[in-house]
Amino acid sequence: MGSGVTHVVLVEWSGEDRSAEADALSREHLPRIEGVESVRSGRSISSEGLEGGFHWMLTVRFRDRAALEGYLPHPEHRPVAEFIGGASDRVVVFDTADDDAAA
């Protein structure tokens, strides 16, 4: 049994704010993928102002690394990835293993 994985995506939109559309697409498609345990997304509510130009964040929690690997080519991932790719100026993706021992 492997540890879970958290997939974080930060997006800087090119032009108008597309966060609501990205939220809806993410919630519609991503939970359908085997091994996805949770999907959360939204705009920053931080008062620190340290977003570095990013407007929106998506986090997807996976059962394990194999689930993350199956997610990337999955047909339900494509509409979300294509929307983000077409509507953004900049995207950062960061994946981390969830290790309870490190907490």
C-alpha atoms as a PDB file:
ATOM      1  CA  MET A   1       0.000   0.000   0.000  1.00  0.00           C
ATOM      2  CA  GLY A   2       1.521   3.360  -1.091  1.00  0.00           C
ATOM      3  CA  SER A   3       0.844   6.743   0.367  1.00  0.00           C
ATOM      4  CA  GLY A   4      -1.583   9.164  -1.190  1.00  0.00           C
ATOM      5  CA  VAL A   5      -0.556  11.934  -3.546  1.00  0.00           C
ATOM      6  CA  THR A   6      -1.679  15.559  -3.720  1.00  0.00           C
ATOM      7  CA  HIS A   7      -1.646  17.263  -7.131  1.00  0.00           C
ATOM      8  CA  VAL A   8      -1.611  21.080  -7.002  1.00  0.00           C
ATOM      9  CA  VAL A   9      -2.198  23.303 -10.046  1.00  0.00           C
ATOM     10  CA  LEU A  10      -1.786  27.102  -9.956  1.00  0.00           C
ATOM     11  CA  VAL A  11      -3.174  29.126 -12.868  1.00  0.00           C
ATOM     12  CA  GLU A  12      -2.722  32.688 -14.082  1.00  0.00           C
ATOM     13  CA  TRP A  13      -5.584  33.428 -16.474  1.00  0.00           C
ATOM     14  CA  SER A  14      -4.882  35.326 -19.689  1.00  0.00           C
ATOM     15  CA  GLY A  15      -7.504  38.061 -19.716  1.00  0.00           C
ATOM     16  CA  GLU A  16     -10.811  37.607 -17.940  1.00  0.00           C
ATOM     17  CA  ASP A  17     -11.236  35.498 -14.821  1.00  0.00           C
ATOM     18  CA  ARG A  18     -12.204  31.966 -15.843  1.00  0.00           C
ATOM     19  CA  SER A  19     -12.213  30.537 -12.300  1.00  0.00           C
ATOM     20  CA  ALA A  20     -15.935  29.724 -12.175  1.00  0.00           C
ATOM     21  CA  GLU A  21     -15.732  27.767 -15.428  1.00  0.00           C
ATOM     22  CA  ALA A  22     -12.626  25.902 -14.261  1.00  0.00           C
ATOM     23  CA  ASP A  23     -14.311  25.088 -10.932  1.00  0.00           C
ATOM     24  CA  ALA A  24     -17.341  23.646 -12.723  1.00  0.00           C
ATOM     25  CA  LEU A  25     -15.296  21.581 -15.197  1.00  0.00           C
ATOM     26  CA  SER A  26     -13.045  20.229 -12.445  1.00  0.00           C
ATOM     27  CA  ARG A  27     -15.948  19.188 -10.249  1.00  0.00           C
ATOM     28  CA  GLU A  28     -17.815  17.633 -13.154  1.00  0.00           C
ATOM     29  CA  HIS A  29     -15.002  15.584 -14.675  1.00  0.00           C
ATOM     30  CA  LEU A  30     -12.219  14.841 -12.202  1.00  0.00           C
ATOM     31  CA  PRO A  31     -14.192  12.905  -9.545  1.00  0.00           C
ATOM     32  CA  ARG A  32     -15.093  10.368 -12.255  1.00  0.00           C
ATOM     33  CA  ILE A  33     -11.468   9.223 -12.448  1.00  0.00           C
ATOM     34  CA  GLU A  34     -10.552   6.055 -10.560  1.00  0.00           C
ATOM     35  CA  GLY A  35      -8.381   6.800  -7.537  1.00  0.00           C
ATOM     36  CA  VAL A  36      -9.400  10.462  -7.126  1.00  0.00           C
ATOM     37  CA  GLU A  37     -10.331  10.955  -3.471  1.00  0.00           C
ATOM     38  CA  SER A  38     -11.093  14.685  -3.482  1.00  0.00           C
ATOM     39  CA  VAL A  39     -11.168  17.719  -5.773  1.00  0.00           C
ATOM     40  CA  ARG A  40     -10.963  21.267  -4.462  1.00  0.00           C
ATOM     41  CA  SER A  41     -10.509  24.500  -6.366  1.00  0.00           C
ATOM     42  CA  GLY A  42     -10.969  28.230  -6.118  1.00  0.00           C
ATOM     43  CA  ARG A  43      -9.533  31.708  -6.009  1.00  0.00           C
ATOM     44  CA  SER A  44      -7.216  32.803  -3.235  1.00  0.00           C
ATOM     45  CA  ILE A  45      -8.801  34.405  -0.178  1.00  0.00           C
ATOM     46  CA  SER A  46      -5.435  35.303   1.349  1.00  0.00           C
ATOM     47  CA  SER A  47      -4.909  38.842   2.613  1.00  0.00           C
ATOM     48  CA  GLU A  48      -1.118  38.445   2.256  1.00  0.00           C
ATOM     49  CA  GLY A  49      -1.049  39.201  -1.472  1.00  0.00           C
ATOM     50  CA  LEU A  50       1.638  36.592  -2.124  1.00  0.00           C
ATOM     51  CA  GLU A  51      -0.090  34.720  -4.950  1.00  0.00           C
ATOM     52  CA  GLY A  52       2.650  35.735  -7.392  1.00  0.00           C
ATOM     53  CA  GLY A  53       0.182  36.571 -10.158  1.00  0.00           C
ATOM     54  CA  PHE A  54      -1.739  33.306  -9.918  1.00  0.00           C
ATOM     55  CA  HIS A  55      -5.536  33.566  -9.837  1.00  0.00           C
ATOM     56  CA  TRP A  56      -6.820  30.049  -9.260  1.00  0.00           C
ATOM     57  CA  MET A  57      -5.760  26.800  -7.607  1.00  0.00           C
ATOM     58  CA  LEU A  58      -6.824  23.198  -8.081  1.00  0.00           C
ATOM     59  CA  THR A  59      -5.909  20.409  -5.675  1.00  0.00           C
ATOM     60  CA  VAL A  60      -6.654  16.784  -6.434  1.00  0.00           C
ATOM     61  CA  ARG A  61      -6.010  14.112  -3.817  1.00  0.00           C
ATOM     62  CA  PHE A  62      -5.200  10.646  -5.166  1.00  0.00           C
ATOM     63  CA  ARG A  63      -5.265   7.265  -3.456  1.00  0.00           C
ATOM     64  CA  ASP A  64      -1.677   6.582  -4.568  1.00  0.00           C
ATOM     65  CA  ARG A  65       0.954   7.351  -7.198  1.00  0.00           C
ATOM     66  CA  ALA A  66      -0.570   4.834  -9.617  1.00  0.00           C
ATOM     67  CA  ALA A  67      -3.855   6.783  -9.512  1.00  0.00           C
ATOM     68  CA  LEU A  68      -1.984  10.010 -10.373  1.00  0.00           C
ATOM     69  CA  GLU A  69      -0.271   8.270 -13.282  1.00  0.00           C
ATOM     70  CA  GLY A  70      -3.645   7.023 -14.552  1.00  0.00           C
ATOM     71  CA  TYR A  71      -5.171  10.497 -14.205  1.00  0.00           C
ATOM     72  CA  LEU A  72      -2.909  12.295 -16.666  1.00  0.00           C
ATOM     73  CA  PRO A  73      -3.957  10.366 -19.822  1.00  0.00           C
ATOM     74  CA  HIS A  74      -7.556   9.779 -18.630  1.00  0.00           C
ATOM     75  CA  PRO A  75     -10.316  11.094 -20.968  1.00  0.00           C
ATOM     76  CA  GLU A  76     -12.037  12.902 -18.049  1.00  0.00           C
ATOM     77  CA  HIS A  77      -8.838  14.885 -17.408  1.00  0.00           C
ATOM     78  CA  ARG A  78      -8.645  16.197 -20.964  1.00  0.00           C
ATOM     79  CA  PRO A  79     -11.501  18.775 -20.852  1.00  0.00           C
ATOM     80  CA  VAL A  80     -10.029  20.326 -17.703  1.00  0.00           C
ATOM     81  CA  ALA A  81      -6.431  20.339 -18.956  1.00  0.00           C
ATOM     82  CA  GLU A  82      -7.431  21.691 -22.371  1.00  0.00           C
ATOM     83  CA  PHE A  83      -9.555  24.461 -20.847  1.00  0.00           C
ATOM     84  CA  ILE A  84      -6.787  25.526 -18.473  1.00  0.00           C
ATOM     85  CA  GLY A  85      -4.137  25.344 -21.205  1.00  0.00           C
ATOM     86  CA  GLY A  86      -6.209  27.453 -23.588  1.00  0.00           C
ATOM     87  CA  ALA A  87      -7.283  30.101 -21.065  1.00  0.00           C
ATOM     88  CA  SER A  88      -4.049  30.648 -19.142  1.00  0.00           C
ATOM     89  CA  ASP A  89      -0.796  32.538 -19.469  1.00  0.00           C
ATOM     90  CA  ARG A  90       1.014  30.465 -16.864  1.00  0.00           C
ATOM     91  CA  VAL A  91       0.474  27.157 -15.070  1.00  0.00           C
ATOM     92  CA  VAL A  92       2.489  25.528 -12.299  1.00  0.00           C
ATOM     93  CA  VAL A  93       1.952  21.899 -11.285  1.00  0.00           C
ATOM     94  CA  PHE A  94       3.342  20.433  -8.083  1.00  0.00           C
ATOM     95  CA  ASP A  95       2.797  16.861  -6.908  1.00  0.00           C
ATOM     96  CA  THR A  96       3.699  15.642  -3.447  1.00  0.00           C
ATOM     97  CA  ALA A  97       3.468  12.334  -1.622  1.00  0.00           C
ATOM     98  CA  ASP A  98       1.242  12.494   1.439  1.00  0.00           C
ATOM     99  CA  ASP A  99       3.261  10.996   4.240  1.00  0.00           C
ATOM    100  CA  ASP A 100       1.587  10.939   7.643  1.00  0.00           C
ATOM    101  CA  ALA A 101       4.951  10.330   9.291  1.00  0.00           C
ATOM    102  CA  ALA A 102       6.192  13.734   8.052  1.00  0.00           C
ATOM    103  CA  ALA A 103       3.263  15.611   9.615  1.00  0.00           C
END
